Full PDB file with SEQRES, HELIX, SHEET, SSBOND, CRYST1, ORIGX, SCALE, CONECT and MASTER records, all heavy atoms in Angstrom:
SEQRES   1 A   36  ASP LEU GLY THR GLN LYS LEU VAL ILE VAL VAL SER SER          
SEQRES   2 A   36  THR TYR GLY GLU GLY ASP LEU PRO GLN THR ALA LEU PRO          
SEQRES   3 A   36  PHE PHE ASP ALA LEU ASN GLU VAL ARG PRO                      
HELIX    1 AA1 LEU A    2  THR A    4  5                                   3    
HELIX    2 AA2 LEU A   25  VAL A   34  1                                  10    
CRYST1    1.000    1.000    1.000  90.00  90.00  90.00 P 1           1          
ORIGX1      1.000000  0.000000  0.000000        0.00000                         
ORIGX2      0.000000  1.000000  0.000000        0.00000                         
ORIGX3      0.000000  0.000000  1.000000        0.00000                         
SCALE1      1.000000  0.000000  0.000000        0.00000                         
SCALE2      0.000000  1.000000  0.000000        0.00000                         
SCALE3      0.000000  0.000000  1.000000        0.00000                         
ATOM      1  N   ASP A   1       4.200  -5.851  24.608  1.00  0.00           N  
ATOM      2  CA  ASP A   1       4.630  -5.120  25.795  1.00  0.00           C  
ATOM      3  C   ASP A   1       4.584  -3.603  25.615  1.00  0.00           C  
ATOM      4  O   ASP A   1       4.702  -2.863  26.591  1.00  0.00           O  
ATOM      5  CB  ASP A   1       6.055  -5.526  26.192  1.00  0.00           C  
ATOM      6  CG  ASP A   1       6.132  -6.967  26.666  1.00  0.00           C  
ATOM      7  OD1 ASP A   1       5.095  -7.509  27.084  1.00  0.00           O  
ATOM      8  OD2 ASP A   1       7.236  -7.538  26.603  1.00  0.00           O  
ATOM      9  N   LEU A   2       4.418  -3.125  24.390  1.00  0.00           N  
ATOM     10  CA  LEU A   2       4.438  -1.683  24.149  1.00  0.00           C  
ATOM     11  C   LEU A   2       3.345  -0.946  24.912  1.00  0.00           C  
ATOM     12  O   LEU A   2       3.573   0.145  25.424  1.00  0.00           O  
ATOM     13  CB  LEU A   2       4.283  -1.376  22.657  1.00  0.00           C  
ATOM     14  CG  LEU A   2       5.535  -1.441  21.810  1.00  0.00           C  
ATOM     15  CD1 LEU A   2       5.187  -1.242  20.341  1.00  0.00           C  
ATOM     16  CD2 LEU A   2       6.553  -0.417  22.261  1.00  0.00           C  
ATOM     17  N   GLY A   3       2.162  -1.521  24.979  1.00  0.00           N  
ATOM     18  CA  GLY A   3       1.049  -0.866  25.637  1.00  0.00           C  
ATOM     19  C   GLY A   3       1.260  -0.618  27.115  1.00  0.00           C  
ATOM     20  O   GLY A   3       0.566   0.200  27.721  1.00  0.00           O  
ATOM     21  N   THR A   4       2.239  -1.294  27.718  1.00  0.00           N  
ATOM     22  CA  THR A   4       2.525  -1.102  29.146  1.00  0.00           C  
ATOM     23  C   THR A   4       3.534   0.018  29.383  1.00  0.00           C  
ATOM     24  O   THR A   4       3.778   0.381  30.522  1.00  0.00           O  
ATOM     25  CB  THR A   4       3.065  -2.402  29.781  1.00  0.00           C  
ATOM     26  OG1 THR A   4       4.339  -2.703  29.206  1.00  0.00           O  
ATOM     27  CG2 THR A   4       2.104  -3.557  29.564  1.00  0.00           C  
ATOM     28  N   GLN A   5       4.119   0.531  28.307  1.00  0.00           N  
ATOM     29  CA  GLN A   5       5.140   1.574  28.431  1.00  0.00           C  
ATOM     30  C   GLN A   5       4.499   2.953  28.458  1.00  0.00           C  
ATOM     31  O   GLN A   5       3.521   3.205  27.751  1.00  0.00           O  
ATOM     32  CB  GLN A   5       6.117   1.499  27.252  1.00  0.00           C  
ATOM     33  CG  GLN A   5       6.833   0.172  27.131  1.00  0.00           C  
ATOM     34  CD  GLN A   5       7.642  -0.160  28.366  1.00  0.00           C  
ATOM     35  OE1 GLN A   5       8.344   0.684  28.912  1.00  0.00           O  
ATOM     36  NE2 GLN A   5       7.540  -1.402  28.812  1.00  0.00           N  
ATOM     37  N   LYS A   6       5.056   3.841  29.258  1.00  0.00           N  
ATOM     38  CA  LYS A   6       4.556   5.218  29.315  1.00  0.00           C  
ATOM     39  C   LYS A   6       5.148   6.061  28.200  1.00  0.00           C  
ATOM     40  O   LYS A   6       4.474   6.887  27.594  1.00  0.00           O  
ATOM     41  CB  LYS A   6       4.877   5.849  30.665  1.00  0.00           C  
ATOM     42  CG  LYS A   6       4.120   5.213  31.802  1.00  0.00           C  
ATOM     43  CD  LYS A   6       4.479   5.864  33.112  1.00  0.00           C  
ATOM     44  CE  LYS A   6       3.721   5.149  34.222  1.00  0.00           C  
ATOM     45  NZ  LYS A   6       4.133   5.574  35.537  1.00  0.00           N  
ATOM     46  N   LEU A   7       6.454   5.864  27.955  1.00  0.00           N  
ATOM     47  CA  LEU A   7       7.151   6.634  26.923  1.00  0.00           C  
ATOM     48  C   LEU A   7       8.181   5.740  26.253  1.00  0.00           C  
ATOM     49  O   LEU A   7       8.969   5.076  26.932  1.00  0.00           O  
ATOM     50  CB  LEU A   7       7.837   7.866  27.520  1.00  0.00           C  
ATOM     51  CG  LEU A   7       8.660   8.711  26.562  1.00  0.00           C  
ATOM     52  CD1 LEU A   7       7.770   9.363  25.506  1.00  0.00           C  
ATOM     53  CD2 LEU A   7       9.438   9.775  27.318  1.00  0.00           C  
ATOM     54  N   VAL A   8       8.180   5.773  24.945  1.00  0.00           N  
ATOM     55  CA  VAL A   8       9.132   4.999  24.143  1.00  0.00           C  
ATOM     56  C   VAL A   8       9.822   5.964  23.180  1.00  0.00           C  
ATOM     57  O   VAL A   8       9.164   6.837  22.601  1.00  0.00           O  
ATOM     58  CB  VAL A   8       8.405   3.894  23.343  1.00  0.00           C  
ATOM     59  CG1 VAL A   8       9.334   3.242  22.338  1.00  0.00           C  
ATOM     60  CG2 VAL A   8       7.812   2.860  24.279  1.00  0.00           C  
ATOM     61  N   ILE A   9      11.122   5.814  23.042  1.00  0.00           N  
ATOM     62  CA  ILE A   9      11.850   6.544  22.003  1.00  0.00           C  
ATOM     63  C   ILE A   9      12.262   5.500  20.973  1.00  0.00           C  
ATOM     64  O   ILE A   9      12.989   4.558  21.299  1.00  0.00           O  
ATOM     65  CB  ILE A   9      13.075   7.285  22.552  1.00  0.00           C  
ATOM     66  CG1 ILE A   9      12.651   8.312  23.588  1.00  0.00           C  
ATOM     67  CG2 ILE A   9      13.848   7.950  21.401  1.00  0.00           C  
ATOM     68  CD1 ILE A   9      13.794   9.044  24.264  1.00  0.00           C  
ATOM     69  N   VAL A  10      11.770   5.649  19.779  1.00  0.00           N  
ATOM     70  CA  VAL A  10      12.069   4.699  18.712  1.00  0.00           C  
ATOM     71  C   VAL A  10      13.103   5.331  17.780  1.00  0.00           C  
ATOM     72  O   VAL A  10      12.989   6.497  17.408  1.00  0.00           O  
ATOM     73  CB  VAL A  10      10.789   4.257  17.962  1.00  0.00           C  
ATOM     74  CG1 VAL A  10      10.096   5.412  17.295  1.00  0.00           C  
ATOM     75  CG2 VAL A  10      11.087   3.161  16.960  1.00  0.00           C  
ATOM     76  N   VAL A  11      14.134   4.550  17.470  1.00  0.00           N  
ATOM     77  CA  VAL A  11      15.226   5.006  16.604  1.00  0.00           C  
ATOM     78  C   VAL A  11      15.347   4.007  15.470  1.00  0.00           C  
ATOM     79  O   VAL A  11      15.405   2.796  15.710  1.00  0.00           O  
ATOM     80  CB  VAL A  11      16.566   5.076  17.380  1.00  0.00           C  
ATOM     81  CG1 VAL A  11      17.707   5.486  16.454  1.00  0.00           C  
ATOM     82  CG2 VAL A  11      16.458   6.009  18.571  1.00  0.00           C  
ATOM     83  N   SER A  12      15.381   4.513  14.235  1.00  0.00           N  
ATOM     84  CA  SER A  12      15.528   3.608  13.095  1.00  0.00           C  
ATOM     85  C   SER A  12      16.198   4.314  11.928  1.00  0.00           C  
ATOM     86  O   SER A  12      16.023   5.513  11.723  1.00  0.00           O  
ATOM     87  CB  SER A  12      14.161   3.086  12.643  1.00  0.00           C  
ATOM     88  OG  SER A  12      14.312   2.195  11.550  1.00  0.00           O  
ATOM     89  N   SER A  13      16.909   3.538  11.166  1.00  0.00           N  
ATOM     90  CA  SER A  13      17.459   4.021   9.910  1.00  0.00           C  
ATOM     91  C   SER A  13      16.501   3.631   8.788  1.00  0.00           C  
ATOM     92  O   SER A  13      15.476   2.983   9.021  1.00  0.00           O  
ATOM     93  CB  SER A  13      18.842   3.403   9.669  1.00  0.00           C  
ATOM     94  OG  SER A  13      18.727   1.998   9.606  1.00  0.00           O  
ATOM     95  N   THR A  14      16.836   4.055   7.590  1.00  0.00           N  
ATOM     96  CA  THR A  14      16.108   3.661   6.389  1.00  0.00           C  
ATOM     97  C   THR A  14      17.062   2.851   5.539  1.00  0.00           C  
ATOM     98  O   THR A  14      18.235   3.188   5.411  1.00  0.00           O  
ATOM     99  CB  THR A  14      15.615   4.901   5.618  1.00  0.00           C  
ATOM    100  OG1 THR A  14      14.727   5.624   6.460  1.00  0.00           O  
ATOM    101  CG2 THR A  14      14.902   4.519   4.333  1.00  0.00           C  
ATOM    102  N   TYR A  15      16.557   1.799   4.953  1.00  0.00           N  
ATOM    103  CA  TYR A  15      17.377   0.885   4.174  1.00  0.00           C  
ATOM    104  C   TYR A  15      16.821   0.802   2.752  1.00  0.00           C  
ATOM    105  O   TYR A  15      15.597   0.784   2.559  1.00  0.00           O  
ATOM    106  CB  TYR A  15      17.355  -0.492   4.845  1.00  0.00           C  
ATOM    107  CG  TYR A  15      18.107  -1.556   4.104  1.00  0.00           C  
ATOM    108  CD1 TYR A  15      19.494  -1.631   4.166  1.00  0.00           C  
ATOM    109  CD2 TYR A  15      17.427  -2.495   3.338  1.00  0.00           C  
ATOM    110  CE1 TYR A  15      20.183  -2.615   3.487  1.00  0.00           C  
ATOM    111  CE2 TYR A  15      18.116  -3.483   2.653  1.00  0.00           C  
ATOM    112  CZ  TYR A  15      19.494  -3.534   2.734  1.00  0.00           C  
ATOM    113  OH  TYR A  15      20.173  -4.498   2.050  1.00  0.00           O  
ATOM    114  N   GLY A  16      17.716   0.739   1.788  1.00  0.00           N  
ATOM    115  CA  GLY A  16      17.293   0.513   0.404  1.00  0.00           C  
ATOM    116  C   GLY A  16      16.357   1.584  -0.113  1.00  0.00           C  
ATOM    117  O   GLY A  16      16.638   2.765  -0.048  1.00  0.00           O  
ATOM    118  N   GLU A  17      15.222   1.169  -0.594  1.00  0.00           N  
ATOM    119  CA  GLU A  17      14.252   2.077  -1.216  1.00  0.00           C  
ATOM    120  C   GLU A  17      13.195   2.549  -0.227  1.00  0.00           C  
ATOM    121  O   GLU A  17      12.000   2.547  -0.529  1.00  0.00           O  
ATOM    122  CB  GLU A  17      13.603   1.385  -2.417  1.00  0.00           C  
ATOM    123  CG  GLU A  17      14.569   1.028  -3.520  1.00  0.00           C  
ATOM    124  CD  GLU A  17      15.268   2.257  -4.093  1.00  0.00           C  
ATOM    125  OE1 GLU A  17      14.579   3.272  -4.355  1.00  0.00           O  
ATOM    126  OE2 GLU A  17      16.495   2.209  -4.255  1.00  0.00           O  
ATOM    127  N   GLY A  18      13.614   2.945   0.965  1.00  0.00           N  
ATOM    128  CA  GLY A  18      12.687   3.448   1.966  1.00  0.00           C  
ATOM    129  C   GLY A  18      12.193   2.395   2.927  1.00  0.00           C  
ATOM    130  O   GLY A  18      11.217   2.609   3.640  1.00  0.00           O  
ATOM    131  N   ASP A  19      12.860   1.259   2.944  1.00  0.00           N  
ATOM    132  CA  ASP A  19      12.457   0.160   3.817  1.00  0.00           C  
ATOM    133  C   ASP A  19      13.073   0.313   5.200  1.00  0.00           C  
ATOM    134  O   ASP A  19      14.024   1.054   5.408  1.00  0.00           O  
ATOM    135  CB  ASP A  19      12.912  -1.176   3.226  1.00  0.00           C  
ATOM    136  CG  ASP A  19      12.296  -1.449   1.864  1.00  0.00           C  
ATOM    137  OD1 ASP A  19      11.096  -1.157   1.688  1.00  0.00           O  
ATOM    138  OD2 ASP A  19      13.022  -1.936   0.977  1.00  0.00           O  
ATOM    139  N   LEU A  20      12.514  -0.457   6.126  1.00  0.00           N  
ATOM    140  CA  LEU A  20      13.116  -0.563   7.449  1.00  0.00           C  
ATOM    141  C   LEU A  20      14.280  -1.546   7.370  1.00  0.00           C  
ATOM    142  O   LEU A  20      14.295  -2.435   6.516  1.00  0.00           O  
ATOM    143  CB  LEU A  20      12.079  -1.072   8.449  1.00  0.00           C  
ATOM    144  CG  LEU A  20      10.983  -0.078   8.788  1.00  0.00           C  
ATOM    145  CD1 LEU A  20       9.811  -0.770   9.449  1.00  0.00           C  
ATOM    146  CD2 LEU A  20      11.531   1.018   9.681  1.00  0.00           C  
ATOM    147  N   PRO A  21      15.233  -1.441   8.282  1.00  0.00           N  
ATOM    148  CA  PRO A  21      16.327  -2.411   8.313  1.00  0.00           C  
ATOM    149  C   PRO A  21      15.788  -3.821   8.600  1.00  0.00           C  
ATOM    150  O   PRO A  21      14.718  -3.973   9.205  1.00  0.00           O  
ATOM    151  CB  PRO A  21      17.214  -1.945   9.473  1.00  0.00           C  
ATOM    152  CG  PRO A  21      16.709  -0.621   9.882  1.00  0.00           C  
ATOM    153  CD  PRO A  21      15.351  -0.431   9.319  1.00  0.00           C  
ATOM    154  N   GLN A  22      16.504  -4.829   8.192  1.00  0.00           N  
ATOM    155  CA  GLN A  22      16.080  -6.222   8.388  1.00  0.00           C  
ATOM    156  C   GLN A  22      15.758  -6.523   9.848  1.00  0.00           C  
ATOM    157  O   GLN A  22      14.826  -7.255  10.136  1.00  0.00           O  
ATOM    158  CB  GLN A  22      17.163  -7.187   7.889  1.00  0.00           C  
ATOM    159  CG  GLN A  22      17.302  -7.210   6.388  1.00  0.00           C  
ATOM    160  CD  GLN A  22      16.056  -7.757   5.704  1.00  0.00           C  
ATOM    161  OE1 GLN A  22      15.471  -8.743   6.153  1.00  0.00           O  
ATOM    162  NE2 GLN A  22      15.629  -7.103   4.647  1.00  0.00           N  
ATOM    163  N   THR A  23      16.520  -5.947  10.765  1.00  0.00           N  
ATOM    164  CA  THR A  23      16.292  -6.216  12.193  1.00  0.00           C  
ATOM    165  C   THR A  23      14.993  -5.586  12.698  1.00  0.00           C  
ATOM    166  O   THR A  23      14.474  -5.999  13.721  1.00  0.00           O  
ATOM    167  CB  THR A  23      17.463  -5.708  13.047  1.00  0.00           C  
ATOM    168  OG1 THR A  23      17.671  -4.322  12.770  1.00  0.00           O  
ATOM    169  CG2 THR A  23      18.732  -6.511  12.762  1.00  0.00           C  
ATOM    170  N   ALA A  24      14.473  -4.582  11.999  1.00  0.00           N  
ATOM    171  CA  ALA A  24      13.245  -3.916  12.431  1.00  0.00           C  
ATOM    172  C   ALA A  24      11.995  -4.493  11.768  1.00  0.00           C  
ATOM    173  O   ALA A  24      10.886  -4.270  12.238  1.00  0.00           O  
ATOM    174  CB  ALA A  24      13.326  -2.424  12.143  1.00  0.00           C  
ATOM    175  N   LEU A  25      12.152  -5.242  10.684  1.00  0.00           N  
ATOM    176  CA  LEU A  25      10.988  -5.761   9.953  1.00  0.00           C  
ATOM    177  C   LEU A  25      10.095  -6.682  10.783  1.00  0.00           C  
ATOM    178  O   LEU A  25       8.874  -6.527  10.742  1.00  0.00           O  
ATOM    179  CB  LEU A  25      11.430  -6.453   8.663  1.00  0.00           C  
ATOM    180  CG  LEU A  25      11.872  -5.510   7.548  1.00  0.00           C  
ATOM    181  CD1 LEU A  25      12.411  -6.301   6.366  1.00  0.00           C  
ATOM    182  CD2 LEU A  25      10.743  -4.588   7.126  1.00  0.00           C  
ATOM    183  N   PRO A  26      10.635  -7.622  11.564  1.00  0.00           N  
ATOM    184  CA  PRO A  26       9.749  -8.454  12.381  1.00  0.00           C  
ATOM    185  C   PRO A  26       8.934  -7.631  13.388  1.00  0.00           C  
ATOM    186  O   PRO A  26       7.759  -7.905  13.615  1.00  0.00           O  
ATOM    187  CB  PRO A  26      10.700  -9.411  13.101  1.00  0.00           C  
ATOM    188  CG  PRO A  26      11.907  -9.465  12.239  1.00  0.00           C  
ATOM    189  CD  PRO A  26      12.023  -8.093  11.646  1.00  0.00           C  
ATOM    190  N   PHE A  27       9.550  -6.613  13.968  1.00  0.00           N  
ATOM    191  CA  PHE A  27       8.866  -5.720  14.900  1.00  0.00           C  
ATOM    192  C   PHE A  27       7.721  -4.999  14.177  1.00  0.00           C  
ATOM    193  O   PHE A  27       6.585  -4.960  14.663  1.00  0.00           O  
ATOM    194  CB  PHE A  27       9.873  -4.714  15.465  1.00  0.00           C  
ATOM    195  CG  PHE A  27       9.290  -3.684  16.385  1.00  0.00           C  
ATOM    196  CD1 PHE A  27       9.132  -3.960  17.733  1.00  0.00           C  
ATOM    197  CD2 PHE A  27       8.917  -2.437  15.910  1.00  0.00           C  
ATOM    198  CE1 PHE A  27       8.605  -2.999  18.595  1.00  0.00           C  
ATOM    199  CE2 PHE A  27       8.381  -1.476  16.762  1.00  0.00           C  
ATOM    200  CZ  PHE A  27       8.229  -1.765  18.110  1.00  0.00           C  
ATOM    201  N   PHE A  28       8.008  -4.431  13.024  1.00  0.00           N  
ATOM    202  CA  PHE A  28       7.018  -3.700  12.250  1.00  0.00           C  
ATOM    203  C   PHE A  28       5.876  -4.629  11.816  1.00  0.00           C  
ATOM    204  O   PHE A  28       4.699  -4.269  11.929  1.00  0.00           O  
ATOM    205  CB  PHE A  28       7.680  -3.054  11.032  1.00  0.00           C  
ATOM    206  CG  PHE A  28       6.756  -2.214  10.221  1.00  0.00           C  
ATOM    207  CD1 PHE A  28       6.365  -0.965  10.658  1.00  0.00           C  
ATOM    208  CD2 PHE A  28       6.275  -2.673   9.001  1.00  0.00           C  
ATOM    209  CE1 PHE A  28       5.504  -0.174   9.899  1.00  0.00           C  
ATOM    210  CE2 PHE A  28       5.413  -1.893   8.238  1.00  0.00           C  
ATOM    211  CZ  PHE A  28       5.030  -0.642   8.693  1.00  0.00           C  
ATOM    212  N   ASP A  29       6.230  -5.809  11.342  1.00  0.00           N  
ATOM    213  CA  ASP A  29       5.204  -6.785  10.941  1.00  0.00           C  
ATOM    214  C   ASP A  29       4.331  -7.184  12.127  1.00  0.00           C  
ATOM    215  O   ASP A  29       3.110  -7.295  12.006  1.00  0.00           O  
ATOM    216  CB  ASP A  29       5.852  -8.026  10.316  1.00  0.00           C  
ATOM    217  CG  ASP A  29       6.489  -7.731   8.961  1.00  0.00           C  
ATOM    218  OD1 ASP A  29       6.159  -6.687   8.344  1.00  0.00           O  
ATOM    219  OD2 ASP A  29       7.322  -8.545   8.530  1.00  0.00           O  
ATOM    220  N   ALA A  30       4.965  -7.362  13.299  1.00  0.00           N  
ATOM    221  CA  ALA A  30       4.208  -7.736  14.501  1.00  0.00           C  
ATOM    222  C   ALA A  30       3.270  -6.603  14.927  1.00  0.00           C  
ATOM    223  O   ALA A  30       2.147  -6.867  15.378  1.00  0.00           O  
ATOM    224  CB  ALA A  30       5.155  -8.102  15.634  1.00  0.00           C  
ATOM    225  N   LEU A  31       3.707  -5.350  14.772  1.00  0.00           N  
ATOM    226  CA  LEU A  31       2.822  -4.229  15.081  1.00  0.00           C  
ATOM    227  C   LEU A  31       1.536  -4.322  14.265  1.00  0.00           C  
ATOM    228  O   LEU A  31       0.438  -4.129  14.782  1.00  0.00           O  
ATOM    229  CB  LEU A  31       3.493  -2.895  14.757  1.00  0.00           C  
ATOM    230  CG  LEU A  31       4.419  -2.279  15.776  1.00  0.00           C  
ATOM    231  CD1 LEU A  31       5.041  -1.005  15.209  1.00  0.00           C  
ATOM    232  CD2 LEU A  31       3.711  -1.980  17.074  1.00  0.00           C  
ATOM    233  N   ASN A  32       1.688  -4.645  12.998  1.00  0.00           N  
ATOM    234  CA  ASN A  32       0.537  -4.725  12.104  1.00  0.00           C  
ATOM    235  C   ASN A  32      -0.300  -5.977  12.323  1.00  0.00           C  
ATOM    236  O   ASN A  32      -1.498  -5.966  12.027  1.00  0.00           O  
ATOM    237  CB  ASN A  32       1.000  -4.622  10.651  1.00  0.00           C  
ATOM    238  CG  ASN A  32       1.535  -3.241  10.338  1.00  0.00           C  
ATOM    239  OD1 ASN A  32       0.904  -2.246  10.645  1.00  0.00           O  
ATOM    240  ND2 ASN A  32       2.718  -3.176   9.758  1.00  0.00           N  
ATOM    241  N   GLU A  33       0.301  -7.032  12.827  1.00  0.00           N  
ATOM    242  CA  GLU A  33      -0.442  -8.280  13.083  1.00  0.00           C  
ATOM    243  C   GLU A  33      -1.108  -8.271  14.457  1.00  0.00           C  
ATOM    244  O   GLU A  33      -2.288  -8.579  14.586  1.00  0.00           O  
ATOM    245  CB  GLU A  33       0.499  -9.480  12.972  1.00  0.00           C  
ATOM    246  CG  GLU A  33       0.957  -9.757  11.556  1.00  0.00           C  
ATOM    247  CD  GLU A  33       2.069 -10.797  11.492  1.00  0.00           C  
ATOM    248  OE1 GLU A  33       2.274 -11.532  12.483  1.00  0.00           O  
ATOM    249  OE2 GLU A  33       2.740 -10.860  10.444  1.00  0.00           O  
ATOM    250  N   VAL A  34      -0.359  -7.925  15.485  1.00  0.00           N  
ATOM    251  CA  VAL A  34      -0.862  -7.951  16.856  1.00  0.00           C  
ATOM    252  C   VAL A  34      -1.772  -6.745  17.121  1.00  0.00           C  
ATOM    253  O   VAL A  34      -2.761  -6.861  17.841  1.00  0.00           O  
ATOM    254  CB  VAL A  34       0.313  -7.992  17.874  1.00  0.00           C  
ATOM    255  CG1 VAL A  34      -0.179  -7.903  19.304  1.00  0.00           C  
ATOM    256  CG2 VAL A  34       1.148  -9.250  17.652  1.00  0.00           C  
ATOM    257  N   ARG A  35      -1.415  -5.603  16.547  1.00  0.00           N  
ATOM    258  CA  ARG A  35      -2.154  -4.351  16.708  1.00  0.00           C  
ATOM    259  C   ARG A  35      -2.439  -4.029  18.182  1.00  0.00           C  
ATOM    260  O   ARG A  35      -3.584  -3.903  18.604  1.00  0.00           O  
ATOM    261  CB  ARG A  35      -3.436  -4.368  15.890  1.00  0.00           C  
ATOM    262  CG  ARG A  35      -3.160  -4.566  14.404  1.00  0.00           C  
ATOM    263  CD  ARG A  35      -4.237  -4.130  13.484  1.00  0.00           C  
ATOM    264  NE  ARG A  35      -4.775  -2.812  13.672  1.00  0.00           N  
ATOM    265  CZ  ARG A  35      -4.219  -1.651  13.261  1.00  0.00           C  
ATOM    266  NH1 ARG A  35      -3.051  -1.676  12.649  1.00  0.00           N  
ATOM    267  NH2 ARG A  35      -4.822  -0.505  13.462  1.00  0.00           N  
ATOM    268  N   PRO A  36      -1.355  -3.889  18.978  1.00  0.00           N  
ATOM    269  CA  PRO A  36      -1.556  -3.578  20.398  1.00  0.00           C  
ATOM    270  C   PRO A  36      -2.196  -2.207  20.568  1.00  0.00           C  
ATOM    271  O   PRO A  36      -2.008  -1.312  19.743  1.00  0.00           O  
ATOM    272  CB  PRO A  36      -0.129  -3.597  20.959  1.00  0.00           C  
ATOM    273  CG  PRO A  36       0.739  -3.266  19.796  1.00  0.00           C  
ATOM    274  CD  PRO A  36       0.062  -3.886  18.605  1.00  0.00           C  
TER     275      PRO A  36                                                      
MASTER        0    0    0    2    0    0    0    6  274    1    0    3          
END                                                                             
């Protein structure tokens, strides 16, 4: 659905050794798999 948006504000913290939080990992993985 991202490609249909005109403007997105993305907010994220950093976890551990520079990782994304657990709740953001599926989103990040999907970005790399789906490649919208």
